[in-house]
């Protein structure tokens, strides 16, 4: 799998209640690489995942796989009870990378592919 990571990802299991994610940032070197992910349907559901786990196709697939309604629906959770995961700022960051295409200043041709 190539580095830097593509932007669209599907988890093989529900994570924070979701399966489809956008890779908004990444970093690290060699075995310490990581990817910051945000759920497509809820910007408050964020993960920082080791690159070694992202490369495991039994856990993650690049691109957004088509899922059945039962596979893709998030659980019903009251917004007041929803837990927002704590992020260790030394493991990664949650702002978009320069090549994410999510910033107004992104130059054409320097944006990572979606899949």
PDB file of N, CA and C in Angstrom:
ATOM      1  N   UNK A   1       0.844  -1.177   0.000  1.00  0.00           N
ATOM      2  CA  UNK A   1       0.000   0.000   0.000  1.00  0.00           C
ATOM      3  C   UNK A   1       0.891   1.242   0.000  1.00  0.00           C
ATOM      4  N   UNK A   2       0.473   2.229  -0.752  1.00  0.00           N
ATOM      5  CA  UNK A   2       1.328   3.408  -0.913  1.00  0.00           C
ATOM      6  C   UNK A   2       1.172   4.420   0.225  1.00  0.00           C
ATOM      7  N   UNK A   3       2.218   5.188   0.405  1.00  0.00           N
ATOM      8  CA  UNK A   3       2.246   6.269   1.390  1.00  0.00           C
ATOM      9  C   UNK A   3       2.498   7.552   0.638  1.00  0.00           C
ATOM     10  N   UNK A   4       1.825   8.641   0.860  1.00  0.00           N
ATOM     11  CA  UNK A   4       0.807   8.849   1.880  1.00  0.00           C
ATOM     12  C   UNK A   4      -0.501   8.127   1.534  1.00  0.00           C
ATOM     13  N   UNK A   5      -1.349   7.936   2.539  1.00  0.00           N
ATOM     14  CA  UNK A   5      -2.577   7.174   2.336  1.00  0.00           C
ATOM     15  C   UNK A   5      -3.594   7.929   1.489  1.00  0.00           C
ATOM     16  N   UNK A   6      -4.438   7.167   0.788  1.00  0.00           N
ATOM     17  CA  UNK A   6      -5.568   7.769   0.077  1.00  0.00           C
ATOM     18  C   UNK A   6      -6.535   8.319   1.122  1.00  0.00           C
ATOM     19  N   UNK A   7      -7.543   9.072   0.682  1.00  0.00           N
ATOM     20  CA  UNK A   7      -8.430   9.744   1.632  1.00  0.00           C
ATOM     21  C   UNK A   7      -9.633   8.919   2.085  1.00  0.00           C
ATOM     22  N   UNK A   8     -10.151   8.020   1.265  1.00  0.00           N
ATOM     23  CA  UNK A   8     -11.378   7.304   1.639  1.00  0.00           C
ATOM     24  C   UNK A   8     -11.060   5.900   2.136  1.00  0.00           C
ATOM     25  N   UNK A   9     -11.711   5.521   3.260  1.00  0.00           N
ATOM     26  CA  UNK A   9     -11.458   4.225   3.895  1.00  0.00           C
ATOM     27  C   UNK A   9     -12.754   3.622   4.424  1.00  0.00           C
ATOM     28  N   UNK A  10     -12.825   2.286   4.379  1.00  0.00           N
ATOM     29  CA  UNK A  10     -13.941   1.545   4.969  1.00  0.00           C
ATOM     30  C   UNK A  10     -13.380   0.564   5.986  1.00  0.00           C
ATOM     31  N   UNK A  11     -13.917   0.608   7.186  1.00  0.00           N
ATOM     32  CA  UNK A  11     -13.512  -0.317   8.244  1.00  0.00           C
ATOM     33  C   UNK A  11     -14.297  -1.617   8.096  1.00  0.00           C
ATOM     34  N   UNK A  12     -13.658  -2.727   8.414  1.00  0.00           N
ATOM     35  CA  UNK A  12     -14.342  -4.017   8.326  1.00  0.00           C
ATOM     36  C   UNK A  12     -15.355  -4.201   9.452  1.00  0.00           C
ATOM     37  N   UNK A  13     -15.237  -3.386  10.502  1.00  0.00           N
ATOM     38  CA  UNK A  13     -16.193  -3.442  11.608  1.00  0.00           C
ATOM     39  C   UNK A  13     -16.546  -2.013  12.022  1.00  0.00           C
ATOM     40  N   UNK A  14     -17.596  -1.872  12.765  1.00  0.00           N
ATOM     41  CA  UNK A  14     -18.035  -0.564  13.230  1.00  0.00           C
ATOM     42  C   UNK A  14     -17.006   0.019  14.199  1.00  0.00           C
ATOM     43  N   UNK A  15     -16.647   1.267  13.984  1.00  0.00           N
ATOM     44  CA  UNK A  15     -15.719   1.983  14.873  1.00  0.00           C
ATOM     45  C   UNK A  15     -16.374   3.295  15.258  1.00  0.00           C
ATOM     46  N   UNK A  16     -16.589   3.484  16.542  1.00  0.00           N
ATOM     47  CA  UNK A  16     -17.330   4.641  17.039  1.00  0.00           C
ATOM     48  C   UNK A  16     -18.721   4.694  16.392  1.00  0.00           C
ATOM     49  N   UNK A  17     -19.218   3.527  15.936  1.00  0.00           N
ATOM     50  CA  UNK A  17     -20.536   3.443  15.327  1.00  0.00           C
ATOM     51  C   UNK A  17     -20.560   3.663  13.826  1.00  0.00           C
ATOM     52  N   UNK A  18     -19.397   3.774  13.193  1.00  0.00           N
ATOM     53  CA  UNK A  18     -19.343   4.080  11.765  1.00  0.00           C
ATOM     54  C   UNK A  18     -18.371   3.156  11.041  1.00  0.00           C
ATOM     55  N   UNK A  19     -18.526   3.083   9.705  1.00  0.00           N
ATOM     56  CA  UNK A  19     -17.652   2.235   8.892  1.00  0.00           C
ATOM     57  C   UNK A  19     -16.879   3.018   7.837  1.00  0.00           C
ATOM     58  N   UNK A  20     -17.422   4.172   7.372  1.00  0.00           N
ATOM     59  CA  UNK A  20     -16.761   4.963   6.330  1.00  0.00           C
ATOM     60  C   UNK A  20     -16.056   6.171   6.942  1.00  0.00           C
ATOM     61  N   UNK A  21     -14.785   6.358   6.533  1.00  0.00           N
ATOM     62  CA  UNK A  21     -13.960   7.423   7.102  1.00  0.00           C
ATOM     63  C   UNK A  21     -13.182   8.165   6.024  1.00  0.00           C
ATOM     64  N   UNK A  22     -12.772   9.396   6.368  1.00  0.00           N
ATOM     65  CA  UNK A  22     -11.893  10.202   5.529  1.00  0.00           C
ATOM     66  C   UNK A  22     -10.583  10.381   6.283  1.00  0.00           C
ATOM     67  N   UNK A  23      -9.474  10.114   5.604  1.00  0.00           N
ATOM     68  CA  UNK A  23      -8.151  10.341   6.189  1.00  0.00           C
ATOM     69  C   UNK A  23      -7.831  11.823   6.014  1.00  0.00           C
ATOM     70  N   UNK A  24      -7.856  12.579   7.111  1.00  0.00           N
ATOM     71  CA  UNK A  24      -7.616  14.016   7.005  1.00  0.00           C
ATOM     72  C   UNK A  24      -6.167  14.387   7.252  1.00  0.00           C
ATOM     73  N   UNK A  25      -5.409  13.515   7.907  1.00  0.00           N
ATOM     74  CA  UNK A  25      -4.006  13.805   8.147  1.00  0.00           C
ATOM     75  C   UNK A  25      -3.260  12.503   8.403  1.00  0.00           C
ATOM     76  N   UNK A  26      -1.942  12.589   8.383  1.00  0.00           N
ATOM     77  CA  UNK A  26      -1.092  11.421   8.561  1.00  0.00           C
ATOM     78  C   UNK A  26       0.298  11.899   8.949  1.00  0.00           C
ATOM     79  N   UNK A  27       1.094  10.996   9.472  1.00  0.00           N
ATOM     80  CA  UNK A  27       2.452  11.376   9.845  1.00  0.00           C
ATOM     81  C   UNK A  27       3.238  10.191  10.368  1.00  0.00           C
ATOM     82  N   UNK A  28       4.374  10.514  10.973  1.00  0.00           N
ATOM     83  CA  UNK A  28       5.248   9.486  11.517  1.00  0.00           C
ATOM     84  C   UNK A  28       6.219   8.967  10.470  1.00  0.00           C
ATOM     85  N   UNK A  29       7.116   8.119  10.925  1.00  0.00           N
ATOM     86  CA  UNK A  29       8.110   7.510  10.041  1.00  0.00           C
ATOM     87  C   UNK A  29       8.189   6.011  10.312  1.00  0.00           C
ATOM     88  N   UNK A  30       8.510   5.277   9.259  1.00  0.00           N
ATOM     89  CA  UNK A  30       8.690   3.826   9.312  1.00  0.00           C
ATOM     90  C   UNK A  30       7.568   3.115  10.071  1.00  0.00           C
ATOM     91  N   UNK A  31       7.874   2.443  11.156  1.00  0.00           N
ATOM     92  CA  UNK A  31       6.877   1.670  11.908  1.00  0.00           C
ATOM     93  C   UNK A  31       6.020   2.542  12.831  1.00  0.00           C
ATOM     94  N   UNK A  32       6.295   3.835  12.918  1.00  0.00           N
ATOM     95  CA  UNK A  32       5.538   4.750  13.785  1.00  0.00           C
ATOM     96  C   UNK A  32       4.547   5.602  12.986  1.00  0.00           C
ATOM     97  N   UNK A  33       4.242   5.213  11.745  1.00  0.00           N
ATOM     98  CA  UNK A  33       3.300   5.982  10.938  1.00  0.00           C
ATOM     99  C   UNK A  33       1.883   5.843  11.479  1.00  0.00           C
ATOM    100  N   UNK A  34       1.077   6.905  11.306  1.00  0.00           N
ATOM    101  CA  UNK A  34      -0.303   6.940  11.780  1.00  0.00           C
ATOM    102  C   UNK A  34      -1.160   7.695  10.775  1.00  0.00           C
ATOM    103  N   UNK A  35      -2.483   7.498  10.888  1.00  0.00           N
ATOM    104  CA  UNK A  35      -3.448   8.179  10.032  1.00  0.00           C
ATOM    105  C   UNK A  35      -4.572   8.704  10.923  1.00  0.00           C
ATOM    106  N   UNK A  36      -4.934   9.987  10.758  1.00  0.00           N
ATOM    107  CA  UNK A  36      -6.076  10.579  11.457  1.00  0.00           C
ATOM    108  C   UNK A  36      -7.298  10.433  10.572  1.00  0.00           C
ATOM    109  N   UNK A  37      -8.348   9.850  11.125  1.00  0.00           N
ATOM    110  CA  UNK A  37      -9.578   9.583  10.375  1.00  0.00           C
ATOM    111  C   UNK A  37     -10.763  10.279  11.027  1.00  0.00           C
ATOM    112  N   UNK A  38     -11.709  10.710  10.187  1.00  0.00           N
ATOM    113  CA  UNK A  38     -12.966  11.298  10.642  1.00  0.00           C
ATOM    114  C   UNK A  38     -14.098  10.542   9.961  1.00  0.00           C
ATOM    115  N   UNK A  39     -15.125  10.181  10.727  1.00  0.00           N
ATOM    116  CA  UNK A  39     -16.273   9.469  10.147  1.00  0.00           C
ATOM    117  C   UNK A  39     -16.976  10.364   9.132  1.00  0.00           C
ATOM    118  N   UNK A  40     -17.379   9.789   8.015  1.00  0.00           N
ATOM    119  CA  UNK A  40     -18.056  10.542   6.962  1.00  0.00           C
ATOM    120  C   UNK A  40     -19.357  11.146   7.477  1.00  0.00           C
ATOM    121  N   UNK A  41     -20.110  10.401   8.287  1.00  0.00           N
ATOM    122  CA  UNK A  41     -21.420  10.855   8.738  1.00  0.00           C
ATOM    123  C   UNK A  41     -21.401  11.660  10.034  1.00  0.00           C
ATOM    124  N   UNK A  42     -20.253  11.760  10.687  1.00  0.00           N
ATOM    125  CA  UNK A  42     -20.183  12.500  11.952  1.00  0.00           C
ATOM    126  C   UNK A  42     -18.767  13.009  12.170  1.00  0.00           C
ATOM    127  N   UNK A  43     -18.565  14.287  11.965  1.00  0.00           N
ATOM    128  CA  UNK A  43     -17.244  14.894  12.110  1.00  0.00           C
ATOM    129  C   UNK A  43     -16.688  14.843  13.518  1.00  0.00           C
ATOM    130  N   UNK A  44     -17.518  14.516  14.515  1.00  0.00           N
ATOM    131  CA  UNK A  44     -17.027  14.397  15.888  1.00  0.00           C
ATOM    132  C   UNK A  44     -16.451  13.018  16.183  1.00  0.00           C
ATOM    133  N   UNK A  45     -16.683  12.053  15.305  1.00  0.00           N
ATOM    134  CA  UNK A  45     -16.151  10.699  15.499  1.00  0.00           C
ATOM    135  C   UNK A  45     -14.803  10.616  14.795  1.00  0.00           C
ATOM    136  N   UNK A  46     -13.750  10.637  15.593  1.00  0.00           N
ATOM    137  CA  UNK A  46     -12.388  10.709  15.070  1.00  0.00           C
ATOM    138  C   UNK A  46     -11.537   9.588  15.639  1.00  0.00           C
ATOM    139  N   UNK A  47     -10.642   9.094  14.800  1.00  0.00           N
ATOM    140  CA  UNK A  47      -9.731   8.016  15.193  1.00  0.00           C
ATOM    141  C   UNK A  47      -8.321   8.363  14.760  1.00  0.00           C
ATOM    142  N   UNK A  48      -7.356   7.872  15.487  1.00  0.00           N
ATOM    143  CA  UNK A  48      -5.969   7.886  15.043  1.00  0.00           C
ATOM    144  C   UNK A  48      -5.536   6.430  15.026  1.00  0.00           C
ATOM    145  N   UNK A  49      -5.189   5.944  13.831  1.00  0.00           N
ATOM    146  CA  UNK A  49      -4.939   4.521  13.628  1.00  0.00           C
ATOM    147  C   UNK A  49      -3.515   4.319  13.130  1.00  0.00           C
ATOM    148  N   UNK A  50      -2.784   3.358  13.694  1.00  0.00           N
ATOM    149  CA  UNK A  50      -1.440   3.061  13.186  1.00  0.00           C
ATOM    150  C   UNK A  50      -1.508   2.624  11.727  1.00  0.00           C
ATOM    151  N   UNK A  51      -0.563   3.053  10.924  1.00  0.00           N
ATOM    152  CA  UNK A  51      -0.517   2.688   9.506  1.00  0.00           C
ATOM    153  C   UNK A  51      -0.426   1.180   9.338  1.00  0.00           C
ATOM    154  N   UNK A  52       0.260   0.507  10.252  1.00  0.00           N
ATOM    155  CA  UNK A  52       0.370  -0.955  10.169  1.00  0.00           C
ATOM    156  C   UNK A  52      -1.011  -1.601  10.216  1.00  0.00           C
ATOM    157  N   UNK A  53      -1.945  -1.036  10.982  1.00  0.00           N
ATOM    158  CA  UNK A  53      -3.312  -1.555  11.041  1.00  0.00           C
ATOM    159  C   UNK A  53      -4.084  -1.202   9.769  1.00  0.00           C
ATOM    160  N   UNK A  54      -3.868  -0.009   9.225  1.00  0.00           N
ATOM    161  CA  UNK A  54      -4.567   0.419   8.013  1.00  0.00           C
ATOM    162  C   UNK A  54      -4.209  -0.471   6.820  1.00  0.00           C
ATOM    163  N   UNK A  55      -2.990  -0.995   6.791  1.00  0.00           N
ATOM    164  CA  UNK A  55      -2.550  -1.854   5.690  1.00  0.00           C
ATOM    165  C   UNK A  55      -3.127  -3.259   5.774  1.00  0.00           C
ATOM    166  N   UNK A  56      -3.714  -3.624   6.902  1.00  0.00           N
ATOM    167  CA  UNK A  56      -4.294  -4.950   7.103  1.00  0.00           C
ATOM    168  C   UNK A  56      -5.691  -4.974   6.474  1.00  0.00           C
ATOM    169  N   UNK A  57      -5.831  -5.640   5.329  1.00  0.00           N
ATOM    170  CA  UNK A  57      -7.104  -5.641   4.602  1.00  0.00           C
ATOM    171  C   UNK A  57      -8.221  -6.396   5.326  1.00  0.00           C
ATOM    172  N   UNK A  58      -7.887  -7.117   6.381  1.00  0.00           N
ATOM    173  CA  UNK A  58      -8.950  -7.733   7.175  1.00  0.00           C
ATOM    174  C   UNK A  58      -9.567  -6.703   8.129  1.00  0.00           C
ATOM    175  N   UNK A  59      -8.920  -5.544   8.282  1.00  0.00           N
ATOM    176  CA  UNK A  59      -9.420  -4.485   9.169  1.00  0.00           C
ATOM    177  C   UNK A  59      -9.871  -3.246   8.404  1.00  0.00           C
ATOM    178  N   UNK A  60      -9.150  -2.890   7.337  1.00  0.00           N
ATOM    179  CA  UNK A  60      -9.435  -1.668   6.578  1.00  0.00           C
ATOM    180  C   UNK A  60      -9.312  -1.919   5.083  1.00  0.00           C
ATOM    181  N   UNK A  61     -10.156  -1.229   4.301  1.00  0.00           N
ATOM    182  CA  UNK A  61     -10.074  -1.234   2.842  1.00  0.00           C
ATOM    183  C   UNK A  61     -10.015   0.206   2.357  1.00  0.00           C
ATOM    184  N   UNK A  62      -9.092   0.478   1.431  1.00  0.00           N
ATOM    185  CA  UNK A  62      -9.064   1.818   0.862  1.00  0.00           C
ATOM    186  C   UNK A  62     -10.265   1.979  -0.050  1.00  0.00           C
ATOM    187  N   UNK A  63     -10.833   3.163  -0.048  1.00  0.00           N
ATOM    188  CA  UNK A  63     -12.062   3.436  -0.790  1.00  0.00           C
ATOM    189  C   UNK A  63     -13.272   3.201   0.096  1.00  0.00           C
ATOM    190  N   UNK A  64     -14.418   3.629  -0.391  1.00  0.00           N
ATOM    191  CA  UNK A  64     -15.664   3.412   0.348  1.00  0.00           C
ATOM    192  C   UNK A  64     -16.397   2.248  -0.283  1.00  0.00           C
ATOM    193  N   UNK A  65     -16.459   1.146   0.443  1.00  0.00           N
ATOM    194  CA  UNK A  65     -17.176  -0.030  -0.051  1.00  0.00           C
ATOM    195  C   UNK A  65     -18.676   0.176   0.117  1.00  0.00           C
ATOM    196  N   UNK A  66     -19.445  -0.343  -0.835  1.00  0.00           N
ATOM    197  CA  UNK A  66     -20.894  -0.268  -0.732  1.00  0.00           C
ATOM    198  C   UNK A  66     -21.344  -1.263   0.338  1.00  0.00           C
ATOM    199  N   UNK A  67     -22.107  -0.782   1.301  1.00  0.00           N
ATOM    200  CA  UNK A  67     -22.578  -1.615   2.406  1.00  0.00           C
ATOM    201  C   UNK A  67     -24.093  -1.664   2.405  1.00  0.00           C
ATOM    202  N   UNK A  68     -24.625  -2.742   2.954  1.00  0.00           N
ATOM    203  CA  UNK A  68     -26.078  -2.822   3.105  1.00  0.00           C
ATOM    204  C   UNK A  68     -26.499  -1.824   4.187  1.00  0.00           C
ATOM    205  N   UNK A  69     -27.781  -1.519   4.232  1.00  0.00           N
ATOM    206  CA  UNK A  69     -28.293  -0.566   5.227  1.00  0.00           C
ATOM    207  C   UNK A  69     -27.956  -1.040   6.645  1.00  0.00           C
ATOM    208  N   UNK A  70     -28.092  -2.344   6.906  1.00  0.00           N
ATOM    209  CA  UNK A  70     -27.800  -2.867   8.248  1.00  0.00           C
ATOM    210  C   UNK A  70     -26.326  -2.724   8.601  1.00  0.00           C
ATOM    211  N   UNK A  71     -25.453  -2.886   7.619  1.00  0.00           N
ATOM    212  CA  UNK A  71     -24.019  -2.785   7.866  1.00  0.00           C
ATOM    213  C   UNK A  71     -23.556  -1.343   8.091  1.00  0.00           C
ATOM    214  N   UNK A  72     -24.237  -0.386   7.467  1.00  0.00           N
ATOM    215  CA  UNK A  72     -23.733   0.977   7.469  1.00  0.00           C
ATOM    216  C   UNK A  72     -24.403   1.914   8.459  1.00  0.00           C
ATOM    217  N   UNK A  73     -25.597   1.586   8.942  1.00  0.00           N
ATOM    218  CA  UNK A  73     -26.291   2.507   9.839  1.00  0.00           C
ATOM    219  C   UNK A  73     -25.601   2.611  11.189  1.00  0.00           C
ATOM    220  N   UNK A  74     -25.368   3.839  11.661  1.00  0.00           N
ATOM    221  CA  UNK A  74     -24.806   4.002  12.995  1.00  0.00           C
ATOM    222  C   UNK A  74     -25.869   3.694  14.049  1.00  0.00           C
ATOM    223  N   UNK A  75     -25.437   3.306  15.243  1.00  0.00           N
ATOM    224  CA  UNK A  75     -26.407   3.054  16.309  1.00  0.00           C
ATOM    225  C   UNK A  75     -27.055   4.367  16.741  1.00  0.00           C
ATOM    226  N   UNK A  76     -28.267   4.272  17.255  1.00  0.00           N
ATOM    227  CA  UNK A  76     -28.935   5.470  17.751  1.00  0.00           C
ATOM    228  C   UNK A  76     -28.354   5.821  19.114  1.00  0.00           C
ATOM    229  N   UNK A  77     -27.690   6.968  19.184  1.00  0.00           N
ATOM    230  CA  UNK A  77     -27.063   7.418  20.425  1.00  0.00           C
ATOM    231  C   UNK A  77     -27.514   8.844  20.677  1.00  0.00           C
ATOM    232  N   UNK A  78     -27.918   9.119  21.872  1.00  0.00           N
ATOM    233  CA  UNK A  78     -28.278  10.481  22.227  1.00  0.00           C
ATOM    234  C   UNK A  78     -27.042  11.365  22.142  1.00  0.00           C
ATOM    235  N   UNK A  79     -27.135  12.533  21.473  1.00  0.00           N
ATOM    236  CA  UNK A  79     -25.972  13.415  21.368  1.00  0.00           C
ATOM    237  C   UNK A  79     -25.394  13.810  22.726  1.00  0.00           C
ATOM    238  N   UNK A  80     -26.237  13.837  23.766  1.00  0.00           N
ATOM    239  CA  UNK A  80     -25.743  14.208  25.088  1.00  0.00           C
ATOM    240  C   UNK A  80     -24.898  13.107  25.713  1.00  0.00           C
ATOM    241  N   UNK A  81     -25.139  11.866  25.305  1.00  0.00           N
ATOM    242  CA  UNK A  81     -24.409  10.740  25.877  1.00  0.00           C
ATOM    243  C   UNK A  81     -23.223  10.303  25.028  1.00  0.00           C
ATOM    244  N   UNK A  82     -23.059  10.918  23.873  1.00  0.00           N
ATOM    245  CA  UNK A  82     -22.018  10.480  22.958  1.00  0.00           C
ATOM    246  C   UNK A  82     -20.645  10.816  23.507  1.00  0.00           C
ATOM    247  N   UNK A  83     -19.785   9.822  23.474  1.00  0.00           N
ATOM    248  CA  UNK A  83     -18.415   9.995  23.956  1.00  0.00           C
ATOM    249  C   UNK A  83     -17.534  10.421  22.790  1.00  0.00           C
ATOM    250  N   UNK A  84     -16.815  11.520  22.958  1.00  0.00           N
ATOM    251  CA  UNK A  84     -15.834  11.941  21.968  1.00  0.00           C
ATOM    252  C   UNK A  84     -14.485  11.447  22.462  1.00  0.00           C
ATOM    253  N   UNK A  85     -13.797  10.618  21.658  1.00  0.00           N
ATOM    254  CA  UNK A  85     -12.546  10.029  22.124  1.00  0.00           C
ATOM    255  C   UNK A  85     -11.473  11.070  22.389  1.00  0.00           C
ATOM    256  N   UNK A  86     -10.678  10.821  23.401  1.00  0.00           N
ATOM    257  CA  UNK A  86      -9.553  11.702  23.684  1.00  0.00           C
ATOM    258  C   UNK A  86      -8.452  11.424  22.679  1.00  0.00           C
ATOM    259  N   UNK A  87      -7.748  12.448  22.302  1.00  0.00           N
ATOM    260  CA  UNK A  87      -6.690  12.316  21.316  1.00  0.00           C
ATOM    261  C   UNK A  87      -5.368  12.695  21.959  1.00  0.00           C
ATOM    262  N   UNK A  88      -4.400  11.839  21.802  1.00  0.00           N
ATOM    263  CA  UNK A  88      -3.054  12.132  22.269  1.00  0.00           C
ATOM    264  C   UNK A  88      -2.374  12.936  21.163  1.00  0.00           C
ATOM    265  N   UNK A  89      -2.097  14.207  21.417  1.00  0.00           N
ATOM    266  CA  UNK A  89      -1.562  15.089  20.386  1.00  0.00           C
ATOM    267  C   UNK A  89      -0.183  14.653  19.907  1.00  0.00           C
ATOM    268  N   UNK A  90       0.502  13.811  20.648  1.00  0.00           N
ATOM    269  CA  UNK A  90       1.798  13.335  20.203  1.00  0.00           C
ATOM    270  C   UNK A  90       1.647  12.190  19.205  1.00  0.00           C
ATOM    271  N   UNK A  91       0.492  11.552  19.147  1.00  0.00           N
ATOM    272  CA  UNK A  91       0.261  10.461  18.209  1.00  0.00           C
ATOM    273  C   UNK A  91      -0.176  10.983  16.844  1.00  0.00           C
ATOM    274  N   UNK A  92      -0.825  12.107  16.796  1.00  0.00           N
ATOM    275  CA  UNK A  92      -1.321  12.627  15.536  1.00  0.00           C
ATOM    276  C   UNK A  92      -2.067  13.913  15.740  1.00  0.00           C
ATOM    277  N   UNK A  93      -2.538  14.485  14.657  1.00  0.00           N
ATOM    278  CA  UNK A  93      -3.274  15.730  14.750  1.00  0.00           C
ATOM    279  C   UNK A  93      -4.563  15.613  13.951  1.00  0.00           C
ATOM    280  N   UNK A  94      -5.510  16.456  14.262  1.00  0.00           N
ATOM    281  CA  UNK A  94      -6.817  16.359  13.639  1.00  0.00           C
ATOM    282  C   UNK A  94      -7.096  17.490  12.665  1.00  0.00           C
ATOM    283  N   UNK A  95      -6.101  18.299  12.332  1.00  0.00           N
ATOM    284  CA  UNK A  95      -6.331  19.301  11.291  1.00  0.00           C
ATOM    285  C   UNK A  95      -5.945  18.703   9.939  1.00  0.00           C
ATOM    286  N   UNK A  96      -6.561  19.181   8.854  1.00  0.00           N
ATOM    287  CA  UNK A  96      -6.287  18.598   7.534  1.00  0.00           C
ATOM    288  C   UNK A  96      -4.840  18.798   7.088  1.00  0.00           C
ATOM    289  N   UNK A  97      -4.304  17.811   6.390  1.00  0.00           N
ATOM    290  CA  UNK A  97      -2.960  17.917   5.827  1.00  0.00           C
ATOM    291  C   UNK A  97      -3.003  18.842   4.615  1.00  0.00           C
ATOM    292  N   UNK A  98      -1.846  19.331   4.181  1.00  0.00           N
ATOM    293  CA  UNK A  98      -1.781  20.234   3.027  1.00  0.00           C
ATOM    294  C   UNK A  98      -2.315  19.587   1.757  1.00  0.00           C
ATOM    295  N   UNK A  99      -2.124  18.266   1.620  1.00  0.00           N
ATOM    296  CA  UNK A  99      -2.553  17.583   0.403  1.00  0.00           C
ATOM    297  C   UNK A  99      -3.922  16.909   0.534  1.00  0.00           C
ATOM    298  N   UNK A 100      -4.694  17.295   1.561  1.00  0.00           N
ATOM    299  CA  UNK A 100      -6.008  16.680   1.763  1.00  0.00           C
ATOM    300  C   UNK A 100      -7.047  17.162   0.761  1.00  0.00           C
ATOM    301  N   UNK A 101      -6.842  18.349   0.199  1.00  0.00           N
ATOM    302  CA  UNK A 101      -7.852  18.926  -0.674  1.00  0.00           C
ATOM    303  C   UNK A 101      -8.967  19.582   0.105  1.00  0.00           C
ATOM    304  N   UNK A 102      -8.844  19.613   1.435  1.00  0.00           N
ATOM    305  CA  UNK A 102      -9.874  20.191   2.287  1.00  0.00           C
ATOM    306  C   UNK A 102      -9.568  21.633   2.673  1.00  0.00           C
ATOM    307  N   UNK A 103      -8.431  22.153   2.226  1.00  0.00           N
ATOM    308  CA  UNK A 103      -8.040  23.526   2.517  1.00  0.00           C
ATOM    309  C   UNK A 103      -8.175  24.377   1.260  1.00  0.00           C
ATOM    310  N   UNK A 104      -8.575  25.623   1.420  1.00  0.00           N
ATOM    311  CA  UNK A 104      -8.757  26.511   0.270  1.00  0.00           C
ATOM    312  C   UNK A 104      -7.448  26.728  -0.482  1.00  0.00           C
ATOM    313  N   UNK A 105      -6.315  26.633   0.196  1.00  0.00           N
ATOM    314  CA  UNK A 105      -5.033  26.924  -0.436  1.00  0.00           C
ATOM    315  C   UNK A 105      -4.392  25.713  -1.121  1.00  0.00           C
ATOM    316  N   UNK A 106      -5.077  24.569  -1.149  1.00  0.00           N
ATOM    317  CA  UNK A 106      -4.508  23.377  -1.792  1.00  0.00           C
ATOM    318  C   UNK A 106      -4.266  23.650  -3.267  1.00  0.00           C
ATOM    319  N   UNK A 107      -3.064  23.345  -3.724  1.00  0.00           N
ATOM    320  CA  UNK A 107      -2.727  23.560  -5.128  1.00  0.00           C
ATOM    321  C   UNK A 107      -3.192  22.374  -5.955  1.00  0.00           C
ATOM    322  N   UNK A 108      -3.640  22.666  -7.174  1.00  0.00           N
ATOM    323  CA  UNK A 108      -4.079  21.600  -8.073  1.00  0.00           C
ATOM    324  C   UNK A 108      -2.897  20.680  -8.358  1.00  0.00           C
ATOM    325  N   UNK A 109      -3.123  19.385  -8.328  1.00  0.00           N
ATOM    326  CA  UNK A 109      -2.068  18.426  -8.597  1.00  0.00           C
ATOM    327  C   UNK A 109      -1.341  17.950  -7.348  1.00  0.00           C
ATOM    328  N   UNK A 110      -1.564  18.634  -6.226  1.00  0.00           N
ATOM    329  CA  UNK A 110      -0.887  18.226  -4.999  1.00  0.00           C
ATOM    330  C   UNK A 110      -1.855  17.582  -4.010  1.00  0.00           C
ATOM    331  N   UNK A 111      -3.019  17.188  -4.481  1.00  0.00           N
ATOM    332  CA  UNK A 111      -4.053  16.623  -3.611  1.00  0.00           C
ATOM    333  C   UNK A 111      -4.018  15.101  -3.701  1.00  0.00           C
ATOM    334  N   UNK A 112      -4.044  14.433  -2.533  1.00  0.00           N
ATOM    335  CA  UNK A 112      -4.049  12.972  -2.491  1.00  0.00           C
ATOM    336  C   UNK A 112      -5.322  12.433  -3.116  1.00  0.00           C
ATOM    337  N   UNK A 113      -5.231  11.252  -3.746  1.00  0.00           N
ATOM    338  CA  UNK A 113      -6.435  10.647  -4.335  1.00  0.00           C
ATOM    339  C   UNK A 113      -7.377  10.113  -3.250  1.00  0.00           C
ATOM    340  N   UNK A 114      -8.665   9.981  -3.624  1.00  0.00           N
ATOM    341  CA  UNK A 114      -9.645   9.427  -2.695  1.00  0.00           C
ATOM    342  C   UNK A 114      -9.493   7.936  -2.543  1.00  0.00           C
ATOM    343  N   UNK A 115      -9.156   7.235  -3.591  1.00  0.00           N
ATOM    344  CA  UNK A 115      -8.973   5.780  -3.478  1.00  0.00           C
ATOM    345  C   UNK A 115      -7.988   5.296  -4.510  1.00  0.00           C
TER     346      UNK A 115
END
